[in-house]
C-alpha atoms as a PDB file:
ATOM      1  CA  MET A   1    -185.626  52.852  -6.041  1.00  0.00           C
ATOM      2  CA  SER A   2    -183.182  50.038  -5.407  1.00  0.00           C
ATOM      3  CA  SER A   3    -181.265  48.165  -8.022  1.00  0.00           C
ATOM      4  CA  SER A   4    -179.795  44.696  -7.849  1.00  0.00           C
ATOM      5  CA  ASN A   5    -176.865  45.871  -9.980  1.00  0.00           C
ATOM      6  CA  PRO A   6    -174.124  47.038  -7.542  1.00  0.00           C
ATOM      7  CA  VAL A   7    -172.599  49.352 -10.150  1.00  0.00           C
ATOM      8  CA  LEU A   8    -175.883  51.256 -10.430  1.00  0.00           C
ATOM      9  CA  SER A   9    -176.653  51.297  -6.697  1.00  0.00           C
ATOM     10  CA  ARG A  10    -176.145  54.656  -5.006  1.00  0.00           C
ATOM     11  CA  GLY A  11    -173.942  53.386  -2.188  1.00  0.00           C
ATOM     12  CA  ALA A  12    -171.812  51.042  -4.281  1.00  0.00           C
ATOM     13  CA  ALA A  13    -168.083  51.655  -4.522  1.00  0.00           C
ATOM     14  CA  ARG A  14    -166.878  52.794  -7.909  1.00  0.00           C
ATOM     15  CA  PRO A  15    -164.744  50.321  -9.828  1.00  0.00           C
ATOM     16  CA  ARG A  16    -161.032  51.176  -9.888  1.00  0.00           C
ATOM     17  CA  LEU A  17    -159.607  52.155 -13.237  1.00  0.00           C
ATOM     18  CA  PRO A  18    -156.295  50.677 -14.325  1.00  0.00           C
ATOM     19  CA  SER A  19    -153.245  52.874 -13.835  1.00  0.00           C
ATOM     20  CA  LEU A  20    -152.531  55.139 -16.769  1.00  0.00           C
ATOM     21  CA  ALA A  21    -148.941  55.778 -15.687  1.00  0.00           C
ATOM     22  CA  PRO A  22    -147.367  53.534 -18.379  1.00  0.00           C
ATOM     23  CA  PHE A  23    -149.442  55.269 -21.055  1.00  0.00           C
ATOM     24  CA  PHE A  24    -148.421  58.743 -19.909  1.00  0.00           C
ATOM     25  CA  ALA A  25    -144.780  57.701 -19.597  1.00  0.00           C
ATOM     26  CA  ALA A  26    -144.815  56.459 -23.192  1.00  0.00           C
ATOM     27  CA  PHE A  27    -146.626  59.597 -24.340  1.00  0.00           C
ATOM     28  CA  TRP A  28    -144.072  61.910 -22.739  1.00  0.00           C
ATOM     29  CA  MET A  29    -141.227  59.836 -24.113  1.00  0.00           C
ATOM     30  CA  ALA A  30    -142.654  60.287 -27.592  1.00  0.00           C
ATOM     31  CA  MET A  31    -143.136  64.018 -27.044  1.00  0.00           C
ATOM     32  CA  ALA A  32    -139.553  64.383 -25.855  1.00  0.00           C
ATOM     33  CA  LEU A  33    -138.479  62.541 -28.975  1.00  0.00           C
ATOM     34  CA  VAL A  34    -140.339  64.887 -31.267  1.00  0.00           C
ATOM     35  CA  VAL A  35    -139.318  68.057 -29.447  1.00  0.00           C
ATOM     36  CA  GLY A  36    -135.916  67.345 -28.004  1.00  0.00           C
ATOM     37  CA  LEU A  37    -134.121  64.563 -29.777  1.00  0.00           C
ATOM     38  CA  THR A  38    -133.512  66.153 -33.126  1.00  0.00           C
ATOM     39  CA  ALA A  39    -131.412  69.062 -31.899  1.00  0.00           C
ATOM     40  CA  SER A  40    -131.288  71.834 -29.357  1.00  0.00           C
ATOM     41  CA  THR A  41    -131.411  74.809 -31.719  1.00  0.00           C
ATOM     42  CA  PRO A  42    -133.541  75.538 -34.793  1.00  0.00           C
ATOM     43  CA  ALA A  43    -130.410  75.778 -36.938  1.00  0.00           C
ATOM     44  CA  MET A  44    -129.173  72.397 -35.723  1.00  0.00           C
ATOM     45  CA  ALA A  45    -132.611  70.837 -36.228  1.00  0.00           C
ATOM     46  CA  GLN A  46    -132.748  72.201 -39.768  1.00  0.00           C
ATOM     47  CA  SER A  47    -129.235  70.932 -40.397  1.00  0.00           C
ATOM     48  CA  LEU A  48    -130.121  67.470 -39.099  1.00  0.00           C
ATOM     49  CA  LYS A  49    -133.252  67.353 -41.246  1.00  0.00           C
ATOM     50  CA  GLY A  50    -131.164  68.274 -44.267  1.00  0.00           C
ATOM     51  CA  GLU A  51    -128.496  65.699 -43.462  1.00  0.00           C
ATOM     52  CA  LEU A  52    -131.139  62.994 -42.993  1.00  0.00           C
ATOM     53  CA  ALA A  53    -132.847  64.022 -46.251  1.00  0.00           C
ATOM     54  CA  ASN A  54    -129.656  63.937 -48.309  1.00  0.00           C
ATOM     55  CA  GLY A  55    -128.500  60.643 -46.809  1.00  0.00           C
ATOM     56  CA  ASN A  56    -125.390  61.947 -45.047  1.00  0.00           C
ATOM     57  CA  VAL A  57    -126.880  60.816 -41.725  1.00  0.00           C
ATOM     58  CA  GLY A  58    -129.011  57.809 -40.857  1.00  0.00           C
ATOM     59  CA  GLU A  59    -130.864  56.545 -37.812  1.00  0.00           C
ATOM     60  CA  ARG A  60    -129.642  53.418 -36.039  1.00  0.00           C
ATOM     61  CA  TRP A  61    -131.563  50.503 -34.533  1.00  0.00           C
ATOM     62  CA  ASP A  62    -130.461  51.611 -31.058  1.00  0.00           C
ATOM     63  CA  GLY A  63    -131.881  55.156 -31.164  1.00  0.00           C
ATOM     64  CA  TYR A  64    -128.696  56.970 -32.130  1.00  0.00           C
ATOM     65  CA  LEU A  65    -127.542  58.576 -35.355  1.00  0.00           C
ATOM     66  CA  GLU A  66    -124.832  57.256 -37.657  1.00  0.00           C
ATOM     67  CA  ALA A  67    -122.803  59.438 -40.028  1.00  0.00           C
ATOM     68  CA  ARG A  68    -122.920  58.053 -43.549  1.00  0.00           C
ATOM     69  CA  ASN A  69    -120.624  60.849 -44.701  1.00  0.00           C
ATOM     70  CA  PRO A  70    -117.612  61.975 -42.620  1.00  0.00           C
ATOM     71  CA  SER A  71    -118.647  65.626 -43.046  1.00  0.00           C
ATOM     72  CA  ALA A  72    -121.676  64.991 -40.785  1.00  0.00           C
ATOM     73  CA  GLN A  73    -119.750  63.401 -37.899  1.00  0.00           C
ATOM     74  CA  GLY A  74    -119.717  66.564 -35.744  1.00  0.00           C
ATOM     75  CA  LEU A  75    -123.490  66.964 -35.976  1.00  0.00           C
ATOM     76  CA  VAL A  76    -123.990  63.253 -35.238  1.00  0.00           C
ATOM     77  CA  ASN A  77    -121.761  63.449 -32.149  1.00  0.00           C
ATOM     78  CA  SER A  78    -123.641  66.496 -30.847  1.00  0.00           C
ATOM     79  CA  VAL A  79    -127.126  65.019 -31.327  1.00  0.00           C
ATOM     80  CA  ASN A  80    -126.076  61.612 -29.969  1.00  0.00           C
ATOM     81  CA  ALA A  81    -124.746  63.241 -26.787  1.00  0.00           C
ATOM     82  CA  LYS A  82    -128.152  64.866 -26.233  1.00  0.00           C
ATOM     83  CA  ARG A  83    -129.956  61.601 -26.962  1.00  0.00           C
ATOM     84  CA  ARG A  84    -127.678  59.700 -24.585  1.00  0.00           C
ATOM     85  CA  ALA A  85    -128.454  62.156 -21.769  1.00  0.00           C
ATOM     86  CA  LEU A  86    -132.188  61.856 -22.447  1.00  0.00           C
ATOM     87  CA  TYR A  87    -132.080  58.043 -22.601  1.00  0.00           C
ATOM     88  CA  GLU A  88    -130.186  57.901 -19.304  1.00  0.00           C
ATOM     89  CA  LYS A  89    -132.688  60.249 -17.644  1.00  0.00           C
ATOM     90  CA  ARG A  90    -135.698  58.291 -18.922  1.00  0.00           C
ATOM     91  CA  ALA A  91    -134.065  54.994 -18.004  1.00  0.00           C
ATOM     92  CA  LYS A  92    -133.737  56.119 -14.388  1.00  0.00           C
ATOM     93  CA  GLU A  93    -137.353  57.301 -14.303  1.00  0.00           C
ATOM     94  CA  LEU A  94    -138.631  54.030 -15.778  1.00  0.00           C
ATOM     95  CA  ASN A  95    -136.174  51.729 -13.993  1.00  0.00           C
ATOM     96  CA  GLN A  96    -134.883  50.455 -17.334  1.00  0.00           C
ATOM     97  CA  SER A  97    -131.516  50.443 -19.049  1.00  0.00           C
ATOM     98  CA  PRO A  98    -130.604  53.288 -21.420  1.00  0.00           C
ATOM     99  CA  ALA A  99    -130.222  50.684 -24.180  1.00  0.00           C
ATOM    100  CA  VAL A 100    -133.858  49.597 -23.808  1.00  0.00           C
ATOM    101  CA  VAL A 101    -135.045  53.210 -23.801  1.00  0.00           C
ATOM    102  CA  GLY A 102    -132.973  53.921 -26.929  1.00  0.00           C
ATOM    103  CA  GLN A 103    -134.557  51.012 -28.748  1.00  0.00           C
ATOM    104  CA  VAL A 104    -138.038  52.259 -27.845  1.00  0.00           C
ATOM    105  CA  TYR A 105    -137.139  55.671 -29.243  1.00  0.00           C
ATOM    106  CA  ALA A 106    -135.668  54.050 -32.360  1.00  0.00           C
ATOM    107  CA  LYS A 107    -139.057  52.529 -33.171  1.00  0.00           C
ATOM    108  CA  GLU A 108    -140.722  55.923 -32.753  1.00  0.00           C
ATOM    109  CA  LEU A 109    -138.045  57.583 -34.892  1.00  0.00           C
ATOM    110  CA  TYR A 110    -138.722  55.064 -37.640  1.00  0.00           C
ATOM    111  CA  GLU A 111    -142.472  55.666 -37.494  1.00  0.00           C
ATOM    112  CA  ARG A 112    -142.026  59.442 -37.749  1.00  0.00           C
ATOM    113  CA  ALA A 113    -139.262  59.418 -40.364  1.00  0.00           C
ATOM    114  CA  ARG A 114    -139.886  60.527 -43.903  1.00  0.00           C
ATOM    115  CA  SER A 115    -139.762  58.133 -46.804  1.00  0.00           C
ATOM    116  CA  GLY A 116    -136.182  57.735 -48.031  1.00  0.00           C
ATOM    117  CA  THR A 117    -134.573  58.153 -44.602  1.00  0.00           C
ATOM    118  CA  TRP A 118    -131.663  55.764 -44.084  1.00  0.00           C
ATOM    119  CA  PHE A 119    -131.778  53.323 -41.162  1.00  0.00           C
ATOM    120  CA  LEU A 120    -128.974  51.137 -39.914  1.00  0.00           C
ATOM    121  CA  ARG A 121    -130.462  47.882 -38.725  1.00  0.00           C
ATOM    122  CA  LYS A 122    -128.489  45.015 -37.241  1.00  0.00           C
ATOM    123  CA  SER A 123    -128.527  43.480 -40.715  1.00  0.00           C
ATOM    124  CA  GLY A 124    -127.246  46.603 -42.520  1.00  0.00           C
ATOM    125  CA  TRP A 125    -128.425  49.851 -44.128  1.00  0.00           C
ATOM    126  CA  THR A 126    -131.913  50.222 -45.584  1.00  0.00           C
ATOM    127  CA  GLN A 127    -134.114  53.121 -46.660  1.00  0.00           C
ATOM    128  CA  LYS A 128    -137.601  53.652 -45.353  1.00  0.00           C
ATOM    129  CA  PRO A 129    -140.076  53.088 -48.190  1.00  0.00           C
END
């Protein structure tokens, strides 16, 4: 039985699917964000969650944290150092600048943040509704 449709013919070449590499790169970036960006230890992660919840720490438009209270500056410095290392690693893998990677993460951080989380945008501080 022969078909005039080349896709259905037995000897026809299969159509090539588009590359899924960009999708998987974005997926793994998001997973790294969820798992690794908050903090390296459970205690630090819990502390960061608490500081974000009480407004002592906010997220910035560039993917880094900002201390809204001086008492949180040490935690902010520690988490930002880990984020910076991750952004630099991902930037190399994706042939992008760390600043671009940070901004991509910032969007994901906003999407995943709880209502009431403070965000520093270029125009100033705002809380997520």
